[in-house]
Amino acid sequence: MAFSHILGQEQAITVLQNALRHQRVPQAYIFAGPEGVGKKFTALMLAKALNCHELDDDACDRCNSCHKIDEGIHPDVRVIAPDGQFIKIDQIRALQKDAGYKPFEGRKKVYILDQAEAMRAESANSLLKTLEEPTTDCIIILVTANVYALLPTVMSRCQLVRFVILGIEPLTTLLVRQKQIDPERARLIASLAEGCPGRALAMDAEETLDKRNQVEHLLHRLSSGLQDVRVIFEQAEQLSAEKSTLQEYLDILLAWYRDMHLLREHGNTRLIANVDAVPRLKETAFQLPASHLRRLFEIVYQAKMDILRNANAQLALEVMLISLTEVYNDRNRWR
């Protein structure tokens, strides 16, 4: 059944299935939660359930309607995504015009506004007219990673369904089952994906391990005192040039420092992401005091946040690498 494919969102699925069973599906939903946790996928599963020929509270995944929605060709189910940077008013007007007609072949017309936070004020105000005067044949689902970017007037006319990140264990199980990779690599990817199945499934295990090897090599140079400012600037330039993978490098670095701190302070490997690298982690974890390990983590985290806020990536990385080097050099005073 369609809803059984959705992992880790039991509360959200219960809300939706109860509404389907009691035939009390509201005219508008907001599906809110982090990127990659299955909001859009669930919206499509709800569209299937609303139009399924065989079931009332789920989708059979067998009938013609279910197949058409899976293939993206059902005439009564539409996904509206940003045209460029924004969802434009012309897109909302087209939705309103289409919503005025009866369903072509299904029971309900379903409109899924993906990245709904990308609506400009004029688009949101235009949508508001449809939300204020809903038709019984039309369901609108706003999918967003930032619910507070929506107008309060829009939020007040929709039922909010929250989606959550997954724990490392269920996400590891999902990766082992769907990608047929070994549990240790699956656990590393699950940790780096920060509980987001979509992100985890998109990551390549071999590429992730290769990036981790590069990070380990960098840390070896930083900790050995082999770095000079010129080399640091070259490394910052190289990393910042790989914009599509920069955040993954930083996440790998954060996971490495977090694992070192956990091993040093607690000695428990249960929460470790890099389970295949525990001997190497232990070897380096006790070369620095816990306060230094915390400082290393904080430096990388600050760089990540600065880059996410659109700071100059190369400059942020230069500051990060110089600061990390200073912490490593300071260990001589600790010893």
C-alpha atoms as a PDB file:
ATOM      1  CA  MET A   1       0.000   0.000   0.000  1.00  0.00           C
ATOM      2  CA  ALA A   2       1.213   3.522  -0.784  1.00  0.00           C
ATOM      3  CA  PHE A   3       1.437   4.892   2.765  1.00  0.00           C
ATOM      4  CA  SER A   4       3.522   1.887   3.843  1.00  0.00           C
ATOM      5  CA  HIS A   5       6.347   3.214   1.621  1.00  0.00           C
ATOM      6  CA  ILE A   6       6.718   6.277   3.847  1.00  0.00           C
ATOM      7  CA  LEU A   7       9.285   5.676   6.574  1.00  0.00           C
ATOM      8  CA  GLY A   8       9.341   7.368   9.960  1.00  0.00           C
ATOM      9  CA  GLN A   9       6.291   9.614   9.541  1.00  0.00           C
ATOM     10  CA  GLU A  10       3.761   7.531  11.460  1.00  0.00           C
ATOM     11  CA  GLN A  11       2.062  10.492  13.127  1.00  0.00           C
ATOM     12  CA  ALA A  12       1.551  12.337   9.844  1.00  0.00           C
ATOM     13  CA  ILE A  13       0.230   9.196   8.128  1.00  0.00           C
ATOM     14  CA  THR A  14      -2.193   8.533  10.999  1.00  0.00           C
ATOM     15  CA  VAL A  15      -3.620  12.049  10.623  1.00  0.00           C
ATOM     16  CA  LEU A  16      -4.099  11.589   6.874  1.00  0.00           C
ATOM     17  CA  GLN A  17      -5.611   8.118   7.057  1.00  0.00           C
ATOM     18  CA  ASN A  18      -8.046   9.130   9.800  1.00  0.00           C
ATOM     19  CA  ALA A  19      -9.228  11.989   7.595  1.00  0.00           C
ATOM     20  CA  LEU A  20      -9.664   9.600   4.660  1.00  0.00           C
ATOM     21  CA  ARG A  21     -11.558   6.993   6.707  1.00  0.00           C
ATOM     22  CA  HIS A  22     -13.983   9.541   8.117  1.00  0.00           C
ATOM     23  CA  GLN A  23     -14.246  11.423   4.788  1.00  0.00           C
ATOM     24  CA  ARG A  24     -13.134  14.628   6.475  1.00  0.00           C
ATOM     25  CA  VAL A  25     -10.209  15.593   4.299  1.00  0.00           C
ATOM     26  CA  PRO A  26      -9.759  19.380   4.533  1.00  0.00           C
ATOM     27  CA  GLN A  27      -9.573  21.503   1.410  1.00  0.00           C
ATOM     28  CA  ALA A  28      -6.016  22.575   2.124  1.00  0.00           C
ATOM     29  CA  TYR A  29      -2.986  21.114   3.906  1.00  0.00           C
ATOM     30  CA  ILE A  30       0.466  22.398   4.782  1.00  0.00           C
ATOM     31  CA  PHE A  31       3.079  19.632   4.858  1.00  0.00           C
ATOM     32  CA  ALA A  32       5.966  21.164   6.819  1.00  0.00           C
ATOM     33  CA  GLY A  33       9.351  19.729   7.747  1.00  0.00           C
ATOM     34  CA  PRO A  34      13.030  19.582   6.801  1.00  0.00           C
ATOM     35  CA  GLU A  35      14.155  18.975   3.228  1.00  0.00           C
ATOM     36  CA  GLY A  36      14.261  15.354   2.161  1.00  0.00           C
ATOM     37  CA  VAL A  37      11.966  13.789   4.776  1.00  0.00           C
ATOM     38  CA  GLY A  38       9.231  12.749   2.324  1.00  0.00           C
ATOM     39  CA  LYS A  39       6.746  15.657   2.308  1.00  0.00           C
ATOM     40  CA  LYS A  40       6.258  15.822  -1.454  1.00  0.00           C
ATOM     41  CA  PHE A  41       6.230  12.035  -1.740  1.00  0.00           C
ATOM     42  CA  THR A  42       3.517  11.845   0.932  1.00  0.00           C
ATOM     43  CA  ALA A  43       1.507  14.521  -0.887  1.00  0.00           C
ATOM     44  CA  LEU A  44       1.569  12.336  -3.999  1.00  0.00           C
ATOM     45  CA  MET A  45       0.572   9.284  -1.936  1.00  0.00           C
ATOM     46  CA  LEU A  46      -2.386  11.252  -0.550  1.00  0.00           C
ATOM     47  CA  ALA A  47      -3.360  12.237  -4.093  1.00  0.00           C
ATOM     48  CA  LYS A  48      -3.301   8.544  -5.018  1.00  0.00           C
ATOM     49  CA  ALA A  49      -5.441   7.601  -2.019  1.00  0.00           C
ATOM     50  CA  LEU A  50      -7.976  10.327  -2.846  1.00  0.00           C
ATOM     51  CA  ASN A  51      -8.362   8.997  -6.374  1.00  0.00           C
ATOM     52  CA  CYS A  52      -7.743   5.272  -5.934  1.00  0.00           C
ATOM     53  CA  HIS A  53     -10.307   3.014  -7.608  1.00  0.00           C
ATOM     54  CA  GLU A  54     -10.022   0.217  -5.032  1.00  0.00           C
ATOM     55  CA  LEU A  55      -9.326   1.661  -1.550  1.00  0.00           C
ATOM     56  CA  ASP A  56     -10.705   4.496   0.572  1.00  0.00           C
ATOM     57  CA  ASP A  57      -7.950   5.166   3.134  1.00  0.00           C
ATOM     58  CA  ASP A  58      -4.854   4.264   1.106  1.00  0.00           C
ATOM     59  CA  ALA A  59      -3.767   3.677  -2.482  1.00  0.00           C
ATOM     60  CA  CYS A  60      -3.709   0.203  -3.985  1.00  0.00           C
ATOM     61  CA  ASP A  61      -0.736   0.907  -6.296  1.00  0.00           C
ATOM     62  CA  ARG A  62      -2.473  -1.297  -8.879  1.00  0.00           C
ATOM     63  CA  CYS A  63      -5.325   0.631 -10.470  1.00  0.00           C
ATOM     64  CA  ASN A  64      -5.085   2.881 -13.498  1.00  0.00           C
ATOM     65  CA  SER A  65      -5.370   6.029 -11.384  1.00  0.00           C
ATOM     66  CA  CYS A  66      -2.462   5.024  -9.117  1.00  0.00           C
ATOM     67  CA  HIS A  67      -0.285   4.181 -12.112  1.00  0.00           C
ATOM     68  CA  LYS A  68      -1.015   7.507 -13.787  1.00  0.00           C
ATOM     69  CA  ILE A  69      -0.092   9.481 -10.663  1.00  0.00           C
ATOM     70  CA  ASP A  70       3.121   7.477 -10.333  1.00  0.00           C
ATOM     71  CA  GLU A  71       3.965   8.360 -13.937  1.00  0.00           C
ATOM     72  CA  GLY A  72       3.017  12.020 -13.502  1.00  0.00           C
ATOM     73  CA  ILE A  73       0.312  11.943 -16.176  1.00  0.00           C
ATOM     74  CA  HIS A  74      -2.914  12.012 -14.159  1.00  0.00           C
ATOM     75  CA  PRO A  75      -4.969  14.981 -15.459  1.00  0.00           C
ATOM     76  CA  ASP A  76      -6.353  15.822 -12.001  1.00  0.00           C
ATOM     77  CA  VAL A  77      -3.065  15.792 -10.049  1.00  0.00           C
ATOM     78  CA  ARG A  78      -0.603  18.606 -10.616  1.00  0.00           C
ATOM     79  CA  VAL A  79       2.683  19.592  -9.005  1.00  0.00           C
ATOM     80  CA  ILE A  80       3.460  23.304  -9.101  1.00  0.00           C
ATOM     81  CA  ALA A  81       7.123  24.154  -8.495  1.00  0.00           C
ATOM     82  CA  PRO A  82       8.930  27.515  -8.527  1.00  0.00           C
ATOM     83  CA  ASP A  83       9.417  28.989 -11.983  1.00  0.00           C
ATOM     84  CA  GLY A  84      12.990  30.083 -11.446  1.00  0.00           C
ATOM     85  CA  GLN A  85      13.367  31.461  -7.945  1.00  0.00           C
ATOM     86  CA  PHE A  86       9.685  32.018  -7.167  1.00  0.00           C
ATOM     87  CA  ILE A  87       6.191  30.602  -7.581  1.00  0.00           C
ATOM     88  CA  LYS A  88       4.719  33.342  -9.719  1.00  0.00           C
ATOM     89  CA  ILE A  89       1.250  34.811  -9.732  1.00  0.00           C
ATOM     90  CA  ASP A  90       0.587  33.476 -13.236  1.00  0.00           C
ATOM     91  CA  GLN A  91       1.088  29.945 -11.920  1.00  0.00           C
ATOM     92  CA  ILE A  92      -1.449  30.561  -9.152  1.00  0.00           C
ATOM     93  CA  ARG A  93      -3.919  32.076 -11.617  1.00  0.00           C
ATOM     94  CA  ALA A  94      -3.580  28.988 -13.829  1.00  0.00           C
ATOM     95  CA  LEU A  95      -4.285  26.833 -10.748  1.00  0.00           C
ATOM     96  CA  GLN A  96      -7.385  28.906  -9.941  1.00  0.00           C
ATOM     97  CA  LYS A  97      -8.702  28.651 -13.481  1.00  0.00           C
ATOM     98  CA  ASP A  98      -8.178  24.891 -13.601  1.00  0.00           C
ATOM     99  CA  ALA A  99      -9.702  24.427 -10.122  1.00  0.00           C
ATOM    100  CA  GLY A 100     -12.943  25.896 -11.434  1.00  0.00           C
ATOM    101  CA  TYR A 101     -13.543  22.794 -13.547  1.00  0.00           C
ATOM    102  CA  LYS A 102     -14.798  19.431 -12.363  1.00  0.00           C
ATOM    103  CA  PRO A 103     -12.265  16.561 -12.118  1.00  0.00           C
ATOM    104  CA  PHE A 104     -11.558  15.094 -15.528  1.00  0.00           C
ATOM    105  CA  GLU A 105     -11.444  11.450 -14.447  1.00  0.00           C
ATOM    106  CA  GLY A 106     -10.708  11.277 -10.706  1.00  0.00           C
ATOM    107  CA  ARG A 107     -12.709  11.995  -7.564  1.00  0.00           C
ATOM    108  CA  LYS A 108     -10.561  14.951  -6.535  1.00  0.00           C
ATOM    109  CA  LYS A 109      -8.356  17.515  -8.201  1.00  0.00           C
ATOM    110  CA  VAL A 110      -5.111  17.746  -6.190  1.00  0.00           C
ATOM    111  CA  TYR A 111      -2.655  20.627  -6.479  1.00  0.00           C
ATOM    112  CA  ILE A 112       0.736  20.215  -4.792  1.00  0.00           C
ATOM    113  CA  LEU A 113       2.664  23.457  -4.350  1.00  0.00           C
ATOM    114  CA  ASP A 114       6.253  22.315  -3.909  1.00  0.00           C
ATOM    115  CA  GLN A 115       8.560  24.752  -2.060  1.00  0.00           C
ATOM    116  CA  ALA A 116       5.505  26.810  -1.163  1.00  0.00           C
ATOM    117  CA  GLU A 117       7.695  29.240   0.771  1.00  0.00           C
ATOM    118  CA  ALA A 118       8.854  30.485  -2.649  1.00  0.00           C
ATOM    119  CA  MET A 119       5.506  32.218  -3.232  1.00  0.00           C
ATOM    120  CA  ARG A 120       5.811  35.971  -3.460  1.00  0.00           C
ATOM    121  CA  ALA A 121       3.320  38.047  -1.503  1.00  0.00           C
ATOM    122  CA  GLU A 122       1.152  38.677  -4.558  1.00  0.00           C
ATOM    123  CA  SER A 123       1.076  34.942  -5.368  1.00  0.00           C
ATOM    124  CA  ALA A 124       0.154  34.040  -1.782  1.00  0.00           C
ATOM    125  CA  ASN A 125      -2.585  36.677  -1.686  1.00  0.00           C
ATOM    126  CA  SER A 126      -3.972  35.359  -4.947  1.00  0.00           C
ATOM    127  CA  LEU A 127      -3.969  31.797  -3.581  1.00  0.00           C
ATOM    128  CA  LEU A 128      -5.762  33.082  -0.512  1.00  0.00           C
ATOM    129  CA  LYS A 129      -8.860  33.757  -2.592  1.00  0.00           C
ATOM    130  CA  THR A 130      -9.043  30.067  -3.526  1.00  0.00           C
ATOM    131  CA  LEU A 131      -8.459  28.996   0.080  1.00  0.00           C
ATOM    132  CA  GLU A 132     -11.249  31.300   1.264  1.00  0.00           C
ATOM    133  CA  GLU A 133     -13.731  29.927  -1.279  1.00  0.00           C
ATOM    134  CA  PRO A 134     -12.785  26.244  -1.654  1.00  0.00           C
ATOM    135  CA  THR A 135     -14.612  23.824  -3.910  1.00  0.00           C
ATOM    136  CA  THR A 136     -15.489  20.336  -2.718  1.00  0.00           C
ATOM    137  CA  ASP A 137     -13.632  18.773  -5.651  1.00  0.00           C
ATOM    138  CA  CYS A 138     -10.301  20.498  -5.009  1.00  0.00           C
ATOM    139  CA  ILE A 139      -7.507  19.741  -2.499  1.00  0.00           C
ATOM    140  CA  ILE A 140      -4.463  22.009  -2.206  1.00  0.00           C
ATOM    141  CA  ILE A 141      -1.270  20.800  -0.485  1.00  0.00           C
ATOM    142  CA  LEU A 142       1.474  23.301   0.337  1.00  0.00           C
ATOM    143  CA  VAL A 143       4.834  21.573   0.790  1.00  0.00           C
ATOM    144  CA  THR A 144       7.417  23.640   2.643  1.00  0.00           C
ATOM    145  CA  ALA A 145      10.661  23.421   4.583  1.00  0.00           C
ATOM    146  CA  ASN A 146       9.980  26.802   6.170  1.00  0.00           C
ATOM    147  CA  VAL A 147       6.378  27.081   7.325  1.00  0.00           C
ATOM    148  CA  TYR A 148       7.014  30.462   8.931  1.00  0.00           C
ATOM    149  CA  ALA A 149       7.804  31.968   5.527  1.00  0.00           C
ATOM    150  CA  LEU A 150       4.125  31.544   4.586  1.00  0.00           C
ATOM    151  CA  LEU A 151       1.634  34.326   5.158  1.00  0.00           C
ATOM    152  CA  PRO A 152      -0.274  33.919   8.453  1.00  0.00           C
ATOM    153  CA  THR A 153      -3.535  34.292   6.543  1.00  0.00           C
ATOM    154  CA  VAL A 154      -2.568  31.329   4.332  1.00  0.00           C
ATOM    155  CA  MET A 155      -1.501  29.228   7.326  1.00  0.00           C
ATOM    156  CA  SER A 156      -4.778  29.904   9.132  1.00  0.00           C
ATOM    157  CA  ARG A 157      -6.776  28.336   6.286  1.00  0.00           C
ATOM    158  CA  CYS A 158      -4.784  25.121   6.034  1.00  0.00           C
ATOM    159  CA  GLN A 159      -4.398  22.089   8.271  1.00  0.00           C
ATOM    160  CA  LEU A 160      -0.770  21.790   9.331  1.00  0.00           C
ATOM    161  CA  VAL A 161       0.849  18.350   9.194  1.00  0.00           C
ATOM    162  CA  ARG A 162       4.405  18.237  10.503  1.00  0.00           C
ATOM    163  CA  PHE A 163       7.088  15.895   9.204  1.00  0.00           C
ATOM    164  CA  VAL A 164      10.133  14.923  11.237  1.00  0.00           C
ATOM    165  CA  ILE A 165      13.668  13.752  10.581  1.00  0.00           C
ATOM    166  CA  LEU A 166      14.404  10.053  11.015  1.00  0.00           C
ATOM    167  CA  GLY A 167      16.650   8.480  13.596  1.00  0.00           C
ATOM    168  CA  ILE A 168      19.965   7.056  12.431  1.00  0.00           C
ATOM    169  CA  GLU A 169      18.906   3.438  13.020  1.00  0.00           C
ATOM    170  CA  PRO A 170      15.741   3.370  10.849  1.00  0.00           C
ATOM    171  CA  LEU A 171      17.485   5.380   8.137  1.00  0.00           C
ATOM    172  CA  THR A 172      20.416   2.945   8.201  1.00  0.00           C
ATOM    173  CA  THR A 173      17.962   0.066   7.817  1.00  0.00           C
ATOM    174  CA  LEU A 174      16.335   1.824   4.864  1.00  0.00           C
ATOM    175  CA  LEU A 175      19.689   2.310   3.115  1.00  0.00           C
ATOM    176  CA  VAL A 176      20.758  -1.292   3.672  1.00  0.00           C
ATOM    177  CA  ARG A 177      17.454  -2.507   2.266  1.00  0.00           C
ATOM    178  CA  GLN A 178      17.107  -0.170  -0.701  1.00  0.00           C
ATOM    179  CA  LYS A 179      20.728   0.418  -1.734  1.00  0.00           C
ATOM    180  CA  GLN A 180      22.209  -2.945  -0.690  1.00  0.00           C
ATOM    181  CA  ILE A 181      25.213  -1.376   1.034  1.00  0.00           C
ATOM    182  CA  ASP A 182      26.890  -2.686   4.166  1.00  0.00           C
ATOM    183  CA  PRO A 183      25.578  -1.425   7.530  1.00  0.00           C
ATOM    184  CA  GLU A 184      28.738   0.521   8.443  1.00  0.00           C
ATOM    185  CA  ARG A 185      28.650   2.612   5.282  1.00  0.00           C
ATOM    186  CA  ALA A 186      24.880   2.963   5.573  1.00  0.00           C
ATOM    187  CA  ARG A 187      25.253   4.314   9.107  1.00  0.00           C
ATOM    188  CA  LEU A 188      27.801   6.914   7.982  1.00  0.00           C
ATOM    189  CA  ILE A 189      25.510   8.116   5.197  1.00  0.00           C
ATOM    190  CA  ALA A 190      22.491   8.128   7.521  1.00  0.00           C
ATOM    191  CA  SER A 191      24.391  10.327   9.966  1.00  0.00           C
ATOM    192  CA  LEU A 192      25.604  12.741   7.277  1.00  0.00           C
ATOM    193  CA  ALA A 193      22.090  12.963   5.801  1.00  0.00           C
ATOM    194  CA  GLU A 194      20.865  14.318   9.161  1.00  0.00           C
ATOM    195  CA  GLY A 195      17.770  12.127   9.198  1.00  0.00           C
ATOM    196  CA  CYS A 196      16.566  12.998   5.682  1.00  0.00           C
ATOM    197  CA  PRO A 197      15.775   9.890   3.576  1.00  0.00           C
ATOM    198  CA  GLY A 198      15.759  11.805   0.281  1.00  0.00           C
ATOM    199  CA  ARG A 199      19.221  13.160   0.910  1.00  0.00           C
ATOM    200  CA  ALA A 200      20.510   9.797   2.135  1.00  0.00           C
ATOM    201  CA  LEU A 201      19.216   7.892  -0.889  1.00  0.00           C
ATOM    202  CA  ALA A 202      20.816  10.437  -3.233  1.00  0.00           C
ATOM    203  CA  MET A 203      24.274  10.062  -1.679  1.00  0.00           C
ATOM    204  CA  ASP A 204      26.817   7.704  -3.248  1.00  0.00           C
ATOM    205  CA  ALA A 205      28.572   5.499  -0.688  1.00  0.00           C
ATOM    206  CA  GLU A 206      31.879   5.285  -2.559  1.00  0.00           C
ATOM    207  CA  GLU A 207      32.005   9.029  -3.206  1.00  0.00           C
ATOM    208  CA  THR A 208      31.225   9.718   0.452  1.00  0.00           C
ATOM    209  CA  LEU A 209      34.074   7.466   1.601  1.00  0.00           C
ATOM    210  CA  ASP A 210      36.427   9.142  -0.860  1.00  0.00           C
ATOM    211  CA  LYS A 211      35.483  12.547   0.562  1.00  0.00           C
ATOM    212  CA  ARG A 212      36.066  11.252   4.080  1.00  0.00           C
ATOM    213  CA  ASN A 213      39.535  10.049   3.066  1.00  0.00           C
ATOM    214  CA  GLN A 214      40.289  13.541   1.782  1.00  0.00           C
ATOM    215  CA  VAL A 215      39.063  15.029   5.062  1.00  0.00           C
ATOM    216  CA  GLU A 216      41.260  12.628   7.051  1.00  0.00           C
ATOM    217  CA  HIS A 217      44.272  13.634   4.965  1.00  0.00           C
ATOM    218  CA  LEU A 218      43.524  17.301   5.578  1.00  0.00           C
ATOM    219  CA  LEU A 219      43.198  16.727   9.327  1.00  0.00           C
ATOM    220  CA  HIS A 220      46.497  14.869   9.378  1.00  0.00           C
ATOM    221  CA  ARG A 221      48.233  17.850   7.808  1.00  0.00           C
ATOM    222  CA  LEU A 222      46.527  20.277  10.173  1.00  0.00           C
ATOM    223  CA  SER A 223      47.424  18.266  13.264  1.00  0.00           C
ATOM    224  CA  SER A 224      51.002  17.541  12.195  1.00  0.00           C
ATOM    225  CA  GLY A 225      51.974  21.192  11.812  1.00  0.00           C
ATOM    226  CA  LEU A 226      52.810  20.692   8.121  1.00  0.00           C
ATOM    227  CA  GLN A 227      50.527  23.530   7.056  1.00  0.00           C
ATOM    228  CA  ASP A 228      51.538  27.052   6.209  1.00  0.00           C
ATOM    229  CA  VAL A 229      49.285  29.976   5.364  1.00  0.00           C
ATOM    230  CA  ARG A 230      49.896  29.680   1.634  1.00  0.00           C
ATOM    231  CA  VAL A 231      48.825  26.020   1.615  1.00  0.00           C
ATOM    232  CA  ILE A 232      45.768  26.861   3.709  1.00  0.00           C
ATOM    233  CA  PHE A 233      44.678  29.495   1.187  1.00  0.00           C
ATOM    234  CA  GLU A 234      45.140  26.995  -1.651  1.00  0.00           C
ATOM    235  CA  GLN A 235      43.026  24.390   0.152  1.00  0.00           C
ATOM    236  CA  ALA A 236      40.308  26.927   0.928  1.00  0.00           C
ATOM    237  CA  GLU A 237      40.202  27.939  -2.740  1.00  0.00           C
ATOM    238  CA  GLN A 238      39.985  24.310  -3.842  1.00  0.00           C
ATOM    239  CA  LEU A 239      37.176  23.435  -1.418  1.00  0.00           C
ATOM    240  CA  SER A 240      35.156  26.569  -2.139  1.00  0.00           C
ATOM    241  CA  ALA A 241      35.313  25.838  -5.881  1.00  0.00           C
ATOM    242  CA  GLU A 242      33.382  22.596  -5.298  1.00  0.00           C
ATOM    243  CA  LYS A 243      30.201  24.377  -4.239  1.00  0.00           C
ATOM    244  CA  SER A 244      27.894  21.431  -4.891  1.00  0.00           C
ATOM    245  CA  THR A 245      29.779  19.224  -2.420  1.00  0.00           C
ATOM    246  CA  LEU A 246      31.166  21.792   0.031  1.00  0.00           C
ATOM    247  CA  GLN A 247      28.438  21.244   2.643  1.00  0.00           C
ATOM    248  CA  GLU A 248      28.991  17.488   2.470  1.00  0.00           C
ATOM    249  CA  TYR A 249      32.710  17.977   3.195  1.00  0.00           C
ATOM    250  CA  LEU A 250      31.846  20.135   6.186  1.00  0.00           C
ATOM    251  CA  ASP A 251      29.279  17.607   7.428  1.00  0.00           C
ATOM    252  CA  ILE A 252      31.886  14.839   7.198  1.00  0.00           C
ATOM    253  CA  LEU A 253      34.309  16.986   9.176  1.00  0.00           C
ATOM    254  CA  LEU A 254      31.671  17.741  11.806  1.00  0.00           C
ATOM    255  CA  ALA A 255      30.791  14.050  12.137  1.00  0.00           C
ATOM    256  CA  TRP A 256      34.477  13.183  12.563  1.00  0.00           C
ATOM    257  CA  TYR A 257      35.010  15.706  15.375  1.00  0.00           C
ATOM    258  CA  ARG A 258      31.726  14.750  17.042  1.00  0.00           C
ATOM    259  CA  ASP A 259      32.730  11.074  17.009  1.00  0.00           C
ATOM    260  CA  MET A 260      36.122  11.923  18.516  1.00  0.00           C
ATOM    261  CA  HIS A 261      34.438  13.830  21.322  1.00  0.00           C
ATOM    262  CA  LEU A 262      31.926  11.032  22.017  1.00  0.00           C
ATOM    263  CA  LEU A 263      34.685   8.438  22.195  1.00  0.00           C
ATOM    264  CA  ARG A 264      36.849  10.572  24.442  1.00  0.00           C
ATOM    265  CA  GLU A 265      34.096  11.542  26.849  1.00  0.00           C
ATOM    266  CA  HIS A 266      31.911   8.432  26.867  1.00  0.00           C
ATOM    267  CA  GLY A 267      33.781   5.620  25.120  1.00  0.00           C
ATOM    268  CA  ASN A 268      30.451   4.407  23.706  1.00  0.00           C
ATOM    269  CA  THR A 269      30.445   3.480  20.013  1.00  0.00           C
ATOM    270  CA  ARG A 270      26.637   3.193  19.801  1.00  0.00           C
ATOM    271  CA  LEU A 271      26.236   6.803  18.651  1.00  0.00           C
ATOM    272  CA  ILE A 272      29.305   6.868  16.399  1.00  0.00           C
ATOM    273  CA  ALA A 273      28.723   7.663  12.714  1.00  0.00           C
ATOM    274  CA  ASN A 274      32.156   6.520  11.487  1.00  0.00           C
ATOM    275  CA  VAL A 275      31.870   3.052  13.001  1.00  0.00           C
ATOM    276  CA  ASP A 276      34.395   1.598  10.556  1.00  0.00           C
ATOM    277  CA  ALA A 277      37.007   4.136  11.691  1.00  0.00           C
ATOM    278  CA  VAL A 278      36.776   3.739  15.479  1.00  0.00           C
ATOM    279  CA  PRO A 279      40.448   2.703  15.942  1.00  0.00           C
ATOM    280  CA  ARG A 280      41.672   5.789  14.065  1.00  0.00           C
ATOM    281  CA  LEU A 281      39.233   8.010  15.924  1.00  0.00           C
ATOM    282  CA  LYS A 282      40.388   6.673  19.291  1.00  0.00           C
ATOM    283  CA  GLU A 283      44.016   7.169  18.351  1.00  0.00           C
ATOM    284  CA  THR A 284      43.504  10.887  17.740  1.00  0.00           C
ATOM    285  CA  ALA A 285      40.715  11.570  20.240  1.00  0.00           C
ATOM    286  CA  PHE A 286      43.060  11.369  23.234  1.00  0.00           C
ATOM    287  CA  GLN A 287      45.721  13.595  21.706  1.00  0.00           C
ATOM    288  CA  LEU A 288      43.623  16.659  22.579  1.00  0.00           C
ATOM    289  CA  PRO A 289      41.647  17.627  25.675  1.00  0.00           C
ATOM    290  CA  ALA A 290      37.866  17.564  25.444  1.00  0.00           C
ATOM    291  CA  SER A 291      37.728  21.371  25.455  1.00  0.00           C
ATOM    292  CA  HIS A 292      39.894  21.461  22.317  1.00  0.00           C
ATOM    293  CA  LEU A 293      37.703  18.876  20.590  1.00  0.00           C
ATOM    294  CA  ARG A 294      34.637  20.966  21.348  1.00  0.00           C
ATOM    295  CA  ARG A 295      36.411  24.027  19.966  1.00  0.00           C
ATOM    296  CA  LEU A 296      37.308  22.193  16.736  1.00  0.00           C
ATOM    297  CA  PHE A 297      33.665  21.219  16.257  1.00  0.00           C
ATOM    298  CA  GLU A 298      32.491  24.788  16.964  1.00  0.00           C
ATOM    299  CA  ILE A 299      34.905  26.254  14.412  1.00  0.00           C
ATOM    300  CA  VAL A 300      33.647  23.983  11.615  1.00  0.00           C
ATOM    301  CA  TYR A 301      30.002  24.486  12.607  1.00  0.00           C
ATOM    302  CA  GLN A 302      30.450  28.274  12.515  1.00  0.00           C
ATOM    303  CA  ALA A 303      31.965  28.048   9.030  1.00  0.00           C
ATOM    304  CA  LYS A 304      29.043  25.930   7.854  1.00  0.00           C
ATOM    305  CA  MET A 305      26.500  28.402   9.235  1.00  0.00           C
ATOM    306  CA  ASP A 306      28.336  31.378   7.726  1.00  0.00           C
ATOM    307  CA  ILE A 307      28.346  29.748   4.286  1.00  0.00           C
ATOM    308  CA  LEU A 308      24.656  28.849   4.569  1.00  0.00           C
ATOM    309  CA  ARG A 309      24.012  32.529   5.289  1.00  0.00           C
ATOM    310  CA  ASN A 310      25.740  33.359   1.978  1.00  0.00           C
ATOM    311  CA  ALA A 311      29.063  34.486   3.419  1.00  0.00           C
ATOM    312  CA  ASN A 312      32.064  34.345   1.077  1.00  0.00           C
ATOM    313  CA  ALA A 313      32.827  30.608   1.071  1.00  0.00           C
ATOM    314  CA  GLN A 314      36.555  30.895   0.432  1.00  0.00           C
ATOM    315  CA  LEU A 315      37.022  33.491   3.166  1.00  0.00           C
ATOM    316  CA  ALA A 316      34.959  31.423   5.631  1.00  0.00           C
ATOM    317  CA  LEU A 317      37.081  28.344   4.859  1.00  0.00           C
ATOM    318  CA  GLU A 318      40.325  30.284   5.234  1.00  0.00           C
ATOM    319  CA  VAL A 319      39.243  31.465   8.684  1.00  0.00           C
ATOM    320  CA  MET A 320      38.151  27.930   9.567  1.00  0.00           C
ATOM    321  CA  LEU A 321      41.423  26.276   8.519  1.00  0.00           C
ATOM    322  CA  ILE A 322      43.587  28.879  10.252  1.00  0.00           C
ATOM    323  CA  SER A 323      41.512  28.547  13.443  1.00  0.00           C
ATOM    324  CA  LEU A 324      41.742  24.737  13.350  1.00  0.00           C
ATOM    325  CA  THR A 325      45.509  24.960  12.936  1.00  0.00           C
ATOM    326  CA  GLU A 326      45.743  27.272  15.960  1.00  0.00           C
ATOM    327  CA  VAL A 327      43.827  24.773  18.114  1.00  0.00           C
ATOM    328  CA  TYR A 328      46.108  21.926  17.056  1.00  0.00           C
ATOM    329  CA  ASN A 329      49.204  24.041  17.709  1.00  0.00           C
ATOM    330  CA  ASP A 330      47.849  24.871  21.149  1.00  0.00           C
ATOM    331  CA  ARG A 331      47.961  21.213  22.179  1.00  0.00           C
ATOM    332  CA  ASN A 332      51.705  21.556  22.770  1.00  0.00           C
ATOM    333  CA  ARG A 333      50.896  23.828  25.710  1.00  0.00           C
ATOM    334  CA  TRP A 334      48.367  21.272  26.995  1.00  0.00           C
ATOM    335  CA  ARG A 335      50.981  18.529  26.839  1.00  0.00           C
END
